[in-house]
Amino acid sequence: MEPCAPRSSGGNCFPMCHQAKEDEQAGDSEAAYENFFRSGWDMGVSRLSEYQNILASLARCSSTSGWIARAKVAQVHLDCLQQRTGG
């Protein structure tokens, strides 16, 4: 999965997504999770499959944070989305 590109360059990524990536790179998985979650609500993507990046990031960050239940929920949603979209 490719990371989302900024909207300013024609991509589909919102500021919260960029902040989440910065948080994750800085080792703050909890803040990254919260910002990936927020970016999922404001994405407004044109194809359902484009949510795969956010769901994968939610699963990864919640797992790193020790939030096992959240990680499992994100992974189930990702698996269902991939089955639905063929991704």
Protein backbone atom coordinates (compact mmCIF):
# COMPACT_ATOMS: atom_id res chain seq x y z
CA MET A 1 0.00 0.00 0.00
CA GLU A 2 1.30 3.41 -0.89
CA PRO A 3 1.19 6.27 1.59
CA CYS A 4 -1.36 8.94 0.81
CA ALA A 5 -0.18 11.98 -1.10
CA PRO A 6 -0.97 15.50 0.10
CA ARG A 7 -4.12 17.08 -1.31
CA SER A 8 -2.04 20.07 -2.43
CA SER A 9 -0.26 17.78 -4.89
CA GLY A 10 -3.44 16.15 -6.15
CA GLY A 11 -3.50 13.36 -3.57
CA ASN A 12 -6.12 12.36 -1.06
CA CYS A 13 -4.35 13.03 2.23
CA PHE A 14 -5.55 15.47 4.85
CA PRO A 15 -3.49 17.29 7.51
CA MET A 16 -4.34 14.75 10.22
CA CYS A 17 -2.86 12.00 8.08
CA HIS A 18 0.42 13.90 7.77
CA GLN A 19 0.44 14.61 11.49
CA ALA A 20 -0.17 10.92 12.19
CA LYS A 21 2.79 9.95 10.03
CA GLU A 22 4.99 12.45 11.86
CA ASP A 23 3.77 11.13 15.21
CA GLU A 24 4.50 7.55 14.19
CA GLN A 25 7.99 8.43 12.95
CA ALA A 26 8.64 10.19 16.27
CA GLY A 27 7.65 7.01 18.11
CA ASP A 28 4.36 8.34 19.48
CA SER A 29 2.06 5.51 18.39
CA GLU A 30 -0.81 6.67 20.60
CA ALA A 31 -0.94 10.13 19.02
CA ALA A 32 -0.45 8.56 15.59
CA TYR A 33 -3.44 6.27 16.17
CA GLU A 34 -5.65 9.20 17.19
CA ASN A 35 -4.63 11.23 14.15
CA PHE A 36 -5.00 8.32 11.72
CA PHE A 37 -8.46 7.78 13.21
CA ARG A 38 -9.34 11.45 12.65
CA SER A 39 -7.96 11.36 9.12
CA GLY A 40 -10.24 8.42 8.35
CA TRP A 41 -13.27 10.53 9.12
CA ASP A 42 -12.23 13.50 7.00
CA MET A 43 -10.73 11.65 4.03
CA GLY A 44 -13.81 11.57 1.84
CA VAL A 45 -12.01 9.34 -0.64
CA SER A 46 -13.54 8.48 -3.99
CA ARG A 47 -12.86 4.73 -3.78
CA LEU A 48 -13.57 2.59 -0.75
CA SER A 49 -10.28 0.74 -1.23
CA GLU A 50 -8.38 3.94 -0.46
CA TYR A 51 -9.22 3.48 3.22
CA GLN A 52 -6.88 0.49 3.34
CA ASN A 53 -3.86 2.66 4.21
CA ILE A 54 -5.65 4.23 7.16
CA LEU A 55 -6.94 0.91 8.49
CA ALA A 56 -3.51 -0.69 8.18
CA SER A 57 -2.01 2.27 10.02
CA LEU A 58 -4.66 2.05 12.75
CA ALA A 59 -3.92 -1.65 13.22
CA ARG A 60 -0.16 -1.05 13.35
CA CYS A 61 -0.25 1.93 15.72
CA SER A 62 -2.77 0.42 18.10
CA SER A 63 -0.76 -2.80 18.25
CA THR A 64 2.44 -0.84 18.95
CA SER A 65 0.58 1.06 21.69
CA GLY A 66 -0.50 -2.20 23.29
CA TRP A 67 -4.17 -1.66 22.45
CA ILE A 68 -4.85 -5.22 21.37
CA ALA A 69 -8.64 -4.87 21.04
CA ARG A 70 -8.32 -1.77 18.85
CA ALA A 71 -5.69 -3.49 16.74
CA LYS A 72 -7.96 -6.48 16.21
CA VAL A 73 -10.94 -4.29 15.30
CA ALA A 74 -8.88 -2.33 12.77
CA GLN A 75 -7.50 -5.56 11.30
CA VAL A 76 -10.99 -7.08 10.97
CA HIS A 77 -12.20 -3.95 9.18
CA LEU A 78 -9.16 -4.02 6.91
CA ASP A 79 -9.65 -7.72 6.12
CA CYS A 80 -13.33 -7.17 5.33
CA LEU A 81 -12.55 -4.18 3.14
CA GLN A 82 -9.91 -6.11 1.24
CA GLN A 83 -12.33 -8.97 0.66
CA ARG A 84 -14.99 -6.56 -0.51
CA THR A 85 -12.73 -4.60 -2.84
CA GLY A 86 -10.50 -7.43 -3.98
CA GLY A 87 -7.49 -5.71 -2.44
